[in-house]
Amino acid sequence: MSRYYKTTENRVFDGVVNLVMILTLLICFLPFVYMAALSFSSSKAIINNQVSFWPVGFNLEAYKQIFTYPNFFQAYGNTFFYTICGTTIAMLMTIMFAYPLSKDYLLGHKFFMKLVVISMFFAGGMIPNYLLVSSLHLTGTRWAMLLPFCISQFNLIIMVNAFKGLPHELEEAALIDGLGYWGILRRIVVPLSTAAIATVGLYYAVFFWNDWFNSLIYLNKDQYPVMLFLRNIVNGTAMVGDGAGSADKTSLGIAIKSAVIIVSTLPIIILYPFLQKYFVKGLTVGGVKG
C-alpha cells in the first residue's frame, strides 16, 4: 500500500489537490483580510487607495462610529437570541422528527420520507409563506424567525442517515432492559450521534445568524437582526460619517461597512474551528451501508 502512494501519478494528484485547496482558501480568506484592513485604516489611506491586506494609518474610528448607532447593540442582541433559540428549537424538532423516520418498519415511513424529499424541491413561495405566517399571527413577533424555519429537509436527511447508521442491537438491548423509546433517544441515540448533531447544529446556527430577508418581511424595526442592520449600511440606507467632508465621509463609510462586516461575522468564524472536526464524519455518517 505504501508503494502505491509513492507513485509519480499519485504524487502529482496530491500536489494538484493541495494547490486547489490552497487557492480556494486564499479566495475565501483574502477578502475577509482586506475588509479587516480597511476597517482599521485611516481615511487618508482609503482615499489614496493605499490599503491592501494590512492596515495603513491604524485607527479605531470606524468601530467607534458603529458602536454609537442606537440600534447596533440591540440588533446584535436580537441576532444572538434568534441564533441560540432558533438553533435549539430546530435541533429538538429535527431530532424528534428524524428518529421515527429512521425506523423503516414504522407505518407510513415511506410516505413521510417522500413528503420530505418533495418539499426540498417544491416550495409554496414567498407570498403563500407570508400569508401562512400572517394567518398564524406571527408577523411582528420573534416567533416569525423561529417556528417557520425550525426544520430543514437537508439537515433532517443527514440526521435520519446518522440514526440509521447506529447498531440496532443497542436499541433492542435497551428495550429488553425496560428502557422506553424516549429513554433510548436521550441516553443512547443522541450521545452516539454527536458528530451529526454538531454538524447540523452549526448549519442551523449559520442560517439563523445570516438570515436577514425574512426579518425584513416579518419583523418590526426594533426586532431586526444585525445582518439586516449590515444590509442597510451596505446599501446606504443608514447614515454613515455624519458631519464629515465629502471625501472623508466616503472613506469613513467604506471603513464602517468593513467594520460591520467584521463584527457581524466574527462570532461564526470563532465558532467554526471548534465544530469543524465533526464535518466530514457528520456528513458521511450513514452514507455507506454494508
C-alpha atoms as a PDB file:
ATOM      1  CA  MET A   1       0.000   0.000   0.000  1.00  0.00           C
ATOM      2  CA  SER A   2       2.841   2.427   0.842  1.00  0.00           C
ATOM      3  CA  ARG A   3       4.453   1.694  -2.555  1.00  0.00           C
ATOM      4  CA  TYR A   4       1.141   2.590  -4.233  1.00  0.00           C
ATOM      5  CA  TYR A   5       1.015   6.020  -2.616  1.00  0.00           C
ATOM      6  CA  LYS A   6       4.609   6.810  -3.619  1.00  0.00           C
ATOM      7  CA  THR A   7       3.989   6.544  -7.362  1.00  0.00           C
ATOM      8  CA  THR A   8       4.572   9.622  -9.508  1.00  0.00           C
ATOM      9  CA  GLU A   9       0.960   9.721 -10.607  1.00  0.00           C
ATOM     10  CA  ASN A  10      -0.342   9.858  -7.033  1.00  0.00           C
ATOM     11  CA  ARG A  11       2.214  12.484  -6.043  1.00  0.00           C
ATOM     12  CA  VAL A  12       1.117  14.683  -8.932  1.00  0.00           C
ATOM     13  CA  PHE A  13      -2.520  14.151  -7.991  1.00  0.00           C
ATOM     14  CA  ASP A  14      -1.850  15.051  -4.335  1.00  0.00           C
ATOM     15  CA  GLY A  15       0.044  18.149  -5.445  1.00  0.00           C
ATOM     16  CA  VAL A  16      -2.828  19.311  -7.653  1.00  0.00           C
ATOM     17  CA  VAL A  17      -5.350  18.704  -4.865  1.00  0.00           C
ATOM     18  CA  ASN A  18      -3.231  20.638  -2.370  1.00  0.00           C
ATOM     19  CA  LEU A  19      -2.796  23.500  -4.839  1.00  0.00           C
ATOM     20  CA  VAL A  20      -6.550  23.708  -5.453  1.00  0.00           C
ATOM     21  CA  MET A  21      -7.198  23.676  -1.706  1.00  0.00           C
ATOM     22  CA  ILE A  22      -4.681  26.471  -1.134  1.00  0.00           C
ATOM     23  CA  LEU A  23      -6.188  28.592  -3.918  1.00  0.00           C
ATOM     24  CA  THR A  24      -9.688  28.017  -2.536  1.00  0.00           C
ATOM     25  CA  LEU A  25      -8.507  29.013   0.928  1.00  0.00           C
ATOM     26  CA  LEU A  26      -6.942  32.208  -0.403  1.00  0.00           C
ATOM     27  CA  ILE A  27     -10.061  33.101  -2.400  1.00  0.00           C
ATOM     28  CA  CYS A  28     -12.200  32.744   0.733  1.00  0.00           C
ATOM     29  CA  PHE A  29      -9.752  34.246   3.228  1.00  0.00           C
ATOM     30  CA  LEU A  30      -8.186  37.229   1.444  1.00  0.00           C
ATOM     31  CA  PRO A  31     -11.422  39.245   1.025  1.00  0.00           C
ATOM     32  CA  PHE A  32     -12.023  38.970   4.759  1.00  0.00           C
ATOM     33  CA  VAL A  33      -8.445  40.106   5.458  1.00  0.00           C
ATOM     34  CA  TYR A  34      -8.957  43.025   3.075  1.00  0.00           C
ATOM     35  CA  MET A  35     -12.157  44.033   4.878  1.00  0.00           C
ATOM     36  CA  ALA A  36     -10.336  43.881   8.212  1.00  0.00           C
ATOM     37  CA  ALA A  37      -7.520  46.040   6.849  1.00  0.00           C
ATOM     38  CA  LEU A  38      -9.987  48.645   5.589  1.00  0.00           C
ATOM     39  CA  SER A  39     -11.813  48.761   8.899  1.00  0.00           C
ATOM     40  CA  PHE A  40      -8.579  49.588  10.775  1.00  0.00           C
ATOM     41  CA  SER A  41      -7.152  52.039   8.205  1.00  0.00           C
ATOM     42  CA  SER A  42      -7.262  55.826   8.178  1.00  0.00           C
ATOM     43  CA  SER A  43      -9.494  57.852   5.862  1.00  0.00           C
ATOM     44  CA  LYS A  44      -6.481  59.270   4.017  1.00  0.00           C
ATOM     45  CA  ALA A  45      -5.119  55.799   3.241  1.00  0.00           C
ATOM     46  CA  ILE A  46      -8.510  54.630   1.958  1.00  0.00           C
ATOM     47  CA  ILE A  47      -8.927  57.706  -0.244  1.00  0.00           C
ATOM     48  CA  ASN A  48      -5.433  57.253  -1.723  1.00  0.00           C
ATOM     49  CA  ASN A  49      -6.103  53.541  -2.282  1.00  0.00           C
ATOM     50  CA  GLN A  50      -3.090  52.548  -0.191  1.00  0.00           C
ATOM     51  CA  VAL A  51      -4.738  49.697   1.712  1.00  0.00           C
ATOM     52  CA  SER A  52      -4.125  46.136   0.566  1.00  0.00           C
ATOM     53  CA  PHE A  53      -4.012  43.392   3.186  1.00  0.00           C
ATOM     54  CA  TRP A  54      -2.525  45.357   6.076  1.00  0.00           C
ATOM     55  CA  PRO A  55      -3.973  48.443   7.836  1.00  0.00           C
ATOM     56  CA  VAL A  56      -2.444  51.798   6.887  1.00  0.00           C
ATOM     57  CA  GLY A  57      -2.702  54.578   9.441  1.00  0.00           C
ATOM     58  CA  PHE A  58      -4.112  52.290  12.129  1.00  0.00           C
ATOM     59  CA  ASN A  59      -7.157  53.694  13.951  1.00  0.00           C
ATOM     60  CA  LEU A  60     -10.429  52.514  15.507  1.00  0.00           C
ATOM     61  CA  GLU A  61     -12.654  55.328  14.237  1.00  0.00           C
ATOM     62  CA  ALA A  62     -14.894  53.004  12.216  1.00  0.00           C
ATOM     63  CA  TYR A  63     -15.550  50.754  15.222  1.00  0.00           C
ATOM     64  CA  LYS A  64     -16.195  53.768  17.450  1.00  0.00           C
ATOM     65  CA  GLN A  65     -18.686  55.017  14.871  1.00  0.00           C
ATOM     66  CA  ILE A  66     -20.715  51.810  14.596  1.00  0.00           C
ATOM     67  CA  PHE A  67     -20.850  51.445  18.374  1.00  0.00           C
ATOM     68  CA  THR A  68     -22.583  54.836  18.514  1.00  0.00           C
ATOM     69  CA  TYR A  69     -25.510  53.625  16.398  1.00  0.00           C
ATOM     70  CA  PRO A  70     -28.506  53.381  18.751  1.00  0.00           C
ATOM     71  CA  ASN A  71     -29.778  50.129  17.223  1.00  0.00           C
ATOM     72  CA  PHE A  72     -26.476  48.293  16.756  1.00  0.00           C
ATOM     73  CA  PHE A  73     -26.262  46.509  20.121  1.00  0.00           C
ATOM     74  CA  GLN A  74     -29.995  45.858  20.063  1.00  0.00           C
ATOM     75  CA  ALA A  75     -29.639  44.248  16.625  1.00  0.00           C
ATOM     76  CA  TYR A  76     -26.663  42.222  17.848  1.00  0.00           C
ATOM     77  CA  GLY A  77     -28.663  41.006  20.832  1.00  0.00           C
ATOM     78  CA  ASN A  78     -31.571  40.093  18.553  1.00  0.00           C
ATOM     79  CA  THR A  79     -29.225  38.049  16.375  1.00  0.00           C
ATOM     80  CA  PHE A  80     -27.880  36.115  19.364  1.00  0.00           C
ATOM     81  CA  PHE A  81     -31.445  35.465  20.500  1.00  0.00           C
ATOM     82  CA  TYR A  82     -32.565  34.203  17.086  1.00  0.00           C
ATOM     83  CA  THR A  83     -29.447  32.073  16.675  1.00  0.00           C
ATOM     84  CA  ILE A  84     -29.485  30.441  20.117  1.00  0.00           C
ATOM     85  CA  CYS A  85     -33.249  29.933  20.401  1.00  0.00           C
ATOM     86  CA  GLY A  86     -33.692  29.064  16.725  1.00  0.00           C
ATOM     87  CA  THR A  87     -30.900  26.503  16.739  1.00  0.00           C
ATOM     88  CA  THR A  88     -32.198  24.937  19.961  1.00  0.00           C
ATOM     89  CA  ILE A  89     -35.768  24.634  18.663  1.00  0.00           C
ATOM     90  CA  ALA A  90     -34.587  23.426  15.257  1.00  0.00           C
ATOM     91  CA  MET A  91     -32.358  20.730  16.747  1.00  0.00           C
ATOM     92  CA  LEU A  92     -35.124  19.463  19.045  1.00  0.00           C
ATOM     93  CA  MET A  93     -37.655  19.320  16.212  1.00  0.00           C
ATOM     94  CA  THR A  94     -35.194  17.771  13.750  1.00  0.00           C
ATOM     95  CA  ILE A  95     -34.066  15.067  16.184  1.00  0.00           C
ATOM     96  CA  MET A  96     -37.635  14.164  17.165  1.00  0.00           C
ATOM     97  CA  PHE A  97     -38.694  14.012  13.501  1.00  0.00           C
ATOM     98  CA  ALA A  98     -35.601  12.150  12.302  1.00  0.00           C
ATOM     99  CA  TYR A  99     -35.694   9.392  14.926  1.00  0.00           C
ATOM    100  CA  PRO A 100     -39.034   7.833  13.851  1.00  0.00           C
ATOM    101  CA  LEU A 101     -38.159   8.379  10.180  1.00  0.00           C
ATOM    102  CA  SER A 102     -35.032   6.271  10.717  1.00  0.00           C
ATOM    103  CA  LYS A 103     -37.229   3.245  11.515  1.00  0.00           C
ATOM    104  CA  ASP A 104     -38.116   1.500   8.264  1.00  0.00           C
ATOM    105  CA  TYR A 105     -40.686  -0.731   9.967  1.00  0.00           C
ATOM    106  CA  LEU A 106     -42.947   2.108  11.129  1.00  0.00           C
ATOM    107  CA  LEU A 107     -46.275   2.574   9.361  1.00  0.00           C
ATOM    108  CA  GLY A 108     -46.200   5.442   6.852  1.00  0.00           C
ATOM    109  CA  HIS A 109     -42.399   5.729   6.870  1.00  0.00           C
ATOM    110  CA  LYS A 110     -42.068   5.835   3.070  1.00  0.00           C
ATOM    111  CA  PHE A 111     -44.928   8.299   2.717  1.00  0.00           C
ATOM    112  CA  PHE A 112     -43.406  10.820   5.112  1.00  0.00           C
ATOM    113  CA  MET A 113     -39.952  10.429   3.591  1.00  0.00           C
ATOM    114  CA  LYS A 114     -41.417  11.192   0.176  1.00  0.00           C
ATOM    115  CA  LEU A 115     -43.064  14.309   1.594  1.00  0.00           C
ATOM    116  CA  VAL A 116     -39.717  15.459   2.984  1.00  0.00           C
ATOM    117  CA  VAL A 117     -37.900  14.898  -0.313  1.00  0.00           C
ATOM    118  CA  ILE A 118     -40.635  16.530  -2.413  1.00  0.00           C
ATOM    119  CA  SER A 119     -40.687  19.603  -0.168  1.00  0.00           C
ATOM    120  CA  MET A 120     -36.952  20.063  -0.811  1.00  0.00           C
ATOM    121  CA  PHE A 121     -37.631  20.829  -4.476  1.00  0.00           C
ATOM    122  CA  PHE A 122     -41.137  22.315  -4.423  1.00  0.00           C
ATOM    123  CA  ALA A 123     -41.991  25.145  -2.032  1.00  0.00           C
ATOM    124  CA  GLY A 124     -45.034  27.344  -1.700  1.00  0.00           C
ATOM    125  CA  GLY A 125     -43.189  30.570  -2.443  1.00  0.00           C
ATOM    126  CA  MET A 126     -42.811  33.859  -0.628  1.00  0.00           C
ATOM    127  CA  ILE A 127     -46.418  35.078  -0.819  1.00  0.00           C
ATOM    128  CA  PRO A 128     -48.048  31.820   0.407  1.00  0.00           C
ATOM    129  CA  ASN A 129     -45.455  31.646   3.184  1.00  0.00           C
ATOM    130  CA  TYR A 130     -46.233  35.206   4.233  1.00  0.00           C
ATOM    131  CA  LEU A 131     -49.975  34.502   4.198  1.00  0.00           C
ATOM    132  CA  LEU A 132     -49.409  31.421   6.346  1.00  0.00           C
ATOM    133  CA  VAL A 133     -47.244  33.263   8.873  1.00  0.00           C
ATOM    134  CA  SER A 134     -49.711  36.149   8.928  1.00  0.00           C
ATOM    135  CA  SER A 135     -52.696  33.843   9.444  1.00  0.00           C
ATOM    136  CA  LEU A 136     -50.908  32.317  12.431  1.00  0.00           C
ATOM    137  CA  HIS A 137     -50.496  35.856  13.869  1.00  0.00           C
ATOM    138  CA  LEU A 138     -46.719  35.540  13.938  1.00  0.00           C
ATOM    139  CA  THR A 139     -45.887  38.692  11.974  1.00  0.00           C
ATOM    140  CA  GLY A 140     -44.375  41.358  14.195  1.00  0.00           C
ATOM    141  CA  THR A 141     -43.281  38.736  16.743  1.00  0.00           C
ATOM    142  CA  ARG A 142     -39.956  36.986  17.236  1.00  0.00           C
ATOM    143  CA  TRP A 143     -41.639  33.634  16.660  1.00  0.00           C
ATOM    144  CA  ALA A 144     -41.780  34.506  12.959  1.00  0.00           C
ATOM    145  CA  MET A 145     -37.999  33.977  12.845  1.00  0.00           C
ATOM    146  CA  LEU A 146     -38.066  30.727  14.807  1.00  0.00           C
ATOM    147  CA  LEU A 147     -41.040  28.486  14.076  1.00  0.00           C
ATOM    148  CA  PRO A 148     -41.334  28.618  10.232  1.00  0.00           C
ATOM    149  CA  PHE A 149     -37.684  27.584   9.810  1.00  0.00           C
ATOM    150  CA  CYS A 150     -37.298  25.040  12.597  1.00  0.00           C
ATOM    151  CA  ILE A 151     -36.813  22.064  10.240  1.00  0.00           C
ATOM    152  CA  SER A 152     -34.584  21.920   7.177  1.00  0.00           C
ATOM    153  CA  GLN A 153     -35.125  18.961   4.874  1.00  0.00           C
ATOM    154  CA  PHE A 154     -31.422  18.641   4.074  1.00  0.00           C
ATOM    155  CA  ASN A 155     -30.453  18.643   7.754  1.00  0.00           C
ATOM    156  CA  LEU A 156     -33.278  16.233   8.511  1.00  0.00           C
ATOM    157  CA  ILE A 157     -31.983  13.714   5.956  1.00  0.00           C
ATOM    158  CA  ILE A 158     -28.475  13.970   7.444  1.00  0.00           C
ATOM    159  CA  MET A 159     -29.893  13.194  10.877  1.00  0.00           C
ATOM    160  CA  VAL A 160     -32.009  10.315   9.593  1.00  0.00           C
ATOM    161  CA  ASN A 161     -28.956   8.705   7.982  1.00  0.00           C
ATOM    162  CA  ALA A 162     -26.971   9.209  11.172  1.00  0.00           C
ATOM    163  CA  PHE A 163     -29.626   7.444  13.249  1.00  0.00           C
ATOM    164  CA  LYS A 164     -29.882   4.632  10.693  1.00  0.00           C
ATOM    165  CA  GLY A 165     -26.135   4.048  10.964  1.00  0.00           C
ATOM    166  CA  LEU A 166     -26.373   3.138  14.653  1.00  0.00           C
ATOM    167  CA  PRO A 167     -26.442  -0.582  15.540  1.00  0.00           C
ATOM    168  CA  HIS A 168     -29.988  -1.854  16.042  1.00  0.00           C
ATOM    169  CA  GLU A 169     -28.725  -4.249  18.706  1.00  0.00           C
ATOM    170  CA  LEU A 170     -28.207  -1.353  21.119  1.00  0.00           C
ATOM    171  CA  GLU A 171     -31.860  -0.366  20.990  1.00  0.00           C
ATOM    172  CA  GLU A 172     -33.024  -3.967  21.220  1.00  0.00           C
ATOM    173  CA  ALA A 173     -30.910  -4.497  24.319  1.00  0.00           C
ATOM    174  CA  ALA A 174     -32.258  -1.289  25.865  1.00  0.00           C
ATOM    175  CA  LEU A 175     -35.843  -2.362  25.170  1.00  0.00           C
ATOM    176  CA  ILE A 176     -35.202  -5.716  26.800  1.00  0.00           C
ATOM    177  CA  ASP A 177     -33.816  -3.919  29.848  1.00  0.00           C
ATOM    178  CA  GLY A 178     -37.038  -1.898  30.091  1.00  0.00           C
ATOM    179  CA  LEU A 179     -35.891   1.408  28.640  1.00  0.00           C
ATOM    180  CA  GLY A 180     -38.576   3.202  26.601  1.00  0.00           C
ATOM    181  CA  TYR A 181     -38.087   4.889  23.247  1.00  0.00           C
ATOM    182  CA  TRP A 182     -37.740   8.349  24.818  1.00  0.00           C
ATOM    183  CA  GLY A 183     -35.016   6.989  27.082  1.00  0.00           C
ATOM    184  CA  ILE A 184     -33.296   5.288  24.133  1.00  0.00           C
ATOM    185  CA  LEU A 185     -33.325   8.526  22.183  1.00  0.00           C
ATOM    186  CA  ARG A 186     -31.995  10.579  25.091  1.00  0.00           C
ATOM    187  CA  ARG A 187     -29.467   8.153  26.578  1.00  0.00           C
ATOM    188  CA  ILE A 188     -28.239   6.133  23.574  1.00  0.00           C
ATOM    189  CA  VAL A 189     -29.078   7.644  20.186  1.00  0.00           C
ATOM    190  CA  VAL A 190     -28.232  11.292  20.881  1.00  0.00           C
ATOM    191  CA  PRO A 191     -24.892  10.649  22.670  1.00  0.00           C
ATOM    192  CA  LEU A 192     -23.778   8.359  19.829  1.00  0.00           C
ATOM    193  CA  SER A 193     -24.703  10.913  17.145  1.00  0.00           C
ATOM    194  CA  THR A 194     -22.672  13.893  18.382  1.00  0.00           C
ATOM    195  CA  ALA A 195     -20.872  14.315  15.040  1.00  0.00           C
ATOM    196  CA  ALA A 196     -24.086  14.653  13.047  1.00  0.00           C
ATOM    197  CA  ILE A 197     -25.715  16.800  15.735  1.00  0.00           C
ATOM    198  CA  ALA A 198     -22.734  19.184  15.821  1.00  0.00           C
ATOM    199  CA  THR A 199     -22.730  19.466  12.018  1.00  0.00           C
ATOM    200  CA  VAL A 200     -26.464  20.059  11.710  1.00  0.00           C
ATOM    201  CA  GLY A 201     -26.393  22.427  14.684  1.00  0.00           C
ATOM    202  CA  LEU A 202     -23.746  24.574  13.009  1.00  0.00           C
ATOM    203  CA  TYR A 203     -25.761  24.618   9.786  1.00  0.00           C
ATOM    204  CA  TYR A 204     -28.791  25.874  11.672  1.00  0.00           C
ATOM    205  CA  ALA A 205     -26.739  28.427  13.615  1.00  0.00           C
ATOM    206  CA  VAL A 206     -25.223  29.859  10.428  1.00  0.00           C
ATOM    207  CA  PHE A 207     -28.666  30.073   8.837  1.00  0.00           C
ATOM    208  CA  PHE A 208     -30.244  31.944  11.745  1.00  0.00           C
ATOM    209  CA  TRP A 209     -27.185  34.168  12.105  1.00  0.00           C
ATOM    210  CA  ASN A 210     -27.116  35.185   8.427  1.00  0.00           C
ATOM    211  CA  ASP A 211     -30.856  35.429   7.835  1.00  0.00           C
ATOM    212  CA  TRP A 212     -31.969  38.994   7.114  1.00  0.00           C
ATOM    213  CA  PHE A 213     -34.571  38.711   4.345  1.00  0.00           C
ATOM    214  CA  ASN A 214     -37.207  37.005   6.471  1.00  0.00           C
ATOM    215  CA  SER A 215     -36.719  39.551   9.236  1.00  0.00           C
ATOM    216  CA  LEU A 216     -37.280  42.334   6.697  1.00  0.00           C
ATOM    217  CA  ILE A 217     -40.623  40.765   5.771  1.00  0.00           C
ATOM    218  CA  TYR A 218     -41.966  39.639   9.141  1.00  0.00           C
ATOM    219  CA  LEU A 219     -40.422  41.805  11.889  1.00  0.00           C
ATOM    220  CA  ASN A 220     -40.669  45.325  13.204  1.00  0.00           C
ATOM    221  CA  LYS A 221     -37.680  47.668  13.192  1.00  0.00           C
ATOM    222  CA  ASP A 222     -36.797  47.132  16.860  1.00  0.00           C
ATOM    223  CA  GLN A 223     -36.654  43.358  16.213  1.00  0.00           C
ATOM    224  CA  TYR A 224     -34.190  43.499  13.305  1.00  0.00           C
ATOM    225  CA  PRO A 225     -31.047  41.287  13.496  1.00  0.00           C
ATOM    226  CA  VAL A 226     -27.545  42.600  12.924  1.00  0.00           C
ATOM    227  CA  MET A 227     -27.414  41.198   9.385  1.00  0.00           C
ATOM    228  CA  LEU A 228     -30.305  43.418   8.337  1.00  0.00           C
ATOM    229  CA  PHE A 229     -28.509  46.300  10.053  1.00  0.00           C
ATOM    230  CA  LEU A 230     -25.453  45.424   7.960  1.00  0.00           C
ATOM    231  CA  ARG A 231     -27.531  45.246   4.801  1.00  0.00           C
ATOM    232  CA  ASN A 232     -28.945  48.723   5.435  1.00  0.00           C
ATOM    233  CA  ILE A 233     -25.457  50.156   5.904  1.00  0.00           C
ATOM    234  CA  VAL A 234     -24.053  48.452   2.794  1.00  0.00           C
ATOM    235  CA  ASN A 235     -27.000  49.700   0.732  1.00  0.00           C
ATOM    236  CA  GLY A 236     -26.542  53.204   2.090  1.00  0.00           C
ATOM    237  CA  THR A 237     -29.895  53.384   3.843  1.00  0.00           C
ATOM    238  CA  ALA A 238     -28.157  54.055   7.183  1.00  0.00           C
ATOM    239  CA  MET A 239     -26.285  57.312   7.567  1.00  0.00           C
ATOM    240  CA  VAL A 240     -22.531  56.994   7.967  1.00  0.00           C
ATOM    241  CA  GLY A 241     -19.919  59.608   8.692  1.00  0.00           C
ATOM    242  CA  ASP A 242     -22.279  62.441   9.637  1.00  0.00           C
ATOM    243  CA  GLY A 243     -20.587  65.824   9.902  1.00  0.00           C
ATOM    244  CA  ALA A 244     -17.522  64.936   7.825  1.00  0.00           C
ATOM    245  CA  GLY A 245     -16.381  66.311   4.480  1.00  0.00           C
ATOM    246  CA  SER A 246     -17.462  64.578   1.291  1.00  0.00           C
ATOM    247  CA  ALA A 247     -14.201  62.675   0.705  1.00  0.00           C
ATOM    248  CA  ASP A 248     -13.739  61.856   4.376  1.00  0.00           C
ATOM    249  CA  LYS A 249     -17.375  60.859   4.600  1.00  0.00           C
ATOM    250  CA  THR A 250     -16.993  58.419   1.714  1.00  0.00           C
ATOM    251  CA  SER A 251     -13.836  56.847   3.121  1.00  0.00           C
ATOM    252  CA  LEU A 252     -15.337  56.639   6.597  1.00  0.00           C
ATOM    253  CA  GLY A 253     -18.397  54.991   5.108  1.00  0.00           C
ATOM    254  CA  ILE A 254     -16.219  52.333   3.473  1.00  0.00           C
ATOM    255  CA  ALA A 255     -14.396  51.734   6.753  1.00  0.00           C
ATOM    256  CA  ILE A 256     -17.678  51.482   8.671  1.00  0.00           C
ATOM    257  CA  LYS A 257     -19.111  48.977   6.190  1.00  0.00           C
ATOM    258  CA  SER A 258     -15.958  46.889   6.555  1.00  0.00           C
ATOM    259  CA  ALA A 259     -16.074  47.133  10.351  1.00  0.00           C
ATOM    260  CA  VAL A 260     -19.701  45.999  10.476  1.00  0.00           C
ATOM    261  CA  ILE A 261     -18.866  43.025   8.240  1.00  0.00           C
ATOM    262  CA  ILE A 262     -16.033  42.020  10.577  1.00  0.00           C
ATOM    263  CA  VAL A 263     -18.080  42.452  13.742  1.00  0.00           C
ATOM    264  CA  SER A 264     -21.116  40.608  12.381  1.00  0.00           C
ATOM    265  CA  THR A 265     -19.210  37.596  11.020  1.00  0.00           C
ATOM    266  CA  LEU A 266     -16.598  37.206  13.757  1.00  0.00           C
ATOM    267  CA  PRO A 267     -18.693  35.048  16.164  1.00  0.00           C
ATOM    268  CA  ILE A 268     -19.397  32.410  13.493  1.00  0.00           C
ATOM    269  CA  ILE A 269     -15.738  32.413  12.440  1.00  0.00           C
ATOM    270  CA  ILE A 270     -14.716  31.855  16.073  1.00  0.00           C
ATOM    271  CA  LEU A 271     -17.277  29.048  16.493  1.00  0.00           C
ATOM    272  CA  TYR A 272     -16.393  27.198  13.288  1.00  0.00           C
ATOM    273  CA  PRO A 273     -12.961  25.742  14.297  1.00  0.00           C
ATOM    274  CA  PHE A 274     -14.490  24.053  17.349  1.00  0.00           C
ATOM    275  CA  LEU A 275     -17.030  22.164  15.222  1.00  0.00           C
ATOM    276  CA  GLN A 276     -15.040  21.738  12.011  1.00  0.00           C
ATOM    277  CA  LYS A 277     -13.652  18.360  13.094  1.00  0.00           C
ATOM    278  CA  TYR A 278     -17.185  16.920  13.065  1.00  0.00           C
ATOM    279  CA  PHE A 279     -17.960  17.995   9.496  1.00  0.00           C
ATOM    280  CA  VAL A 280     -16.634  15.057   7.474  1.00  0.00           C
ATOM    281  CA  LYS A 281     -17.952  12.432   9.873  1.00  0.00           C
ATOM    282  CA  GLY A 282     -21.252  14.234  10.315  1.00  0.00           C
ATOM    283  CA  LEU A 283     -21.921  14.486   6.582  1.00  0.00           C
ATOM    284  CA  THR A 284     -20.750  10.998   5.588  1.00  0.00           C
ATOM    285  CA  VAL A 285     -22.193   9.021   8.525  1.00  0.00           C
ATOM    286  CA  GLY A 286     -24.727   6.592   7.208  1.00  0.00           C
ATOM    287  CA  GLY A 287     -23.660   7.225   3.632  1.00  0.00           C
ATOM    288  CA  VAL A 288     -22.047   3.794   3.156  1.00  0.00           C
ATOM    289  CA  LYS A 289     -24.043   0.719   4.033  1.00  0.00           C
ATOM    290  CA  GLY A 290     -22.783  -2.813   4.328  1.00  0.00           C
END
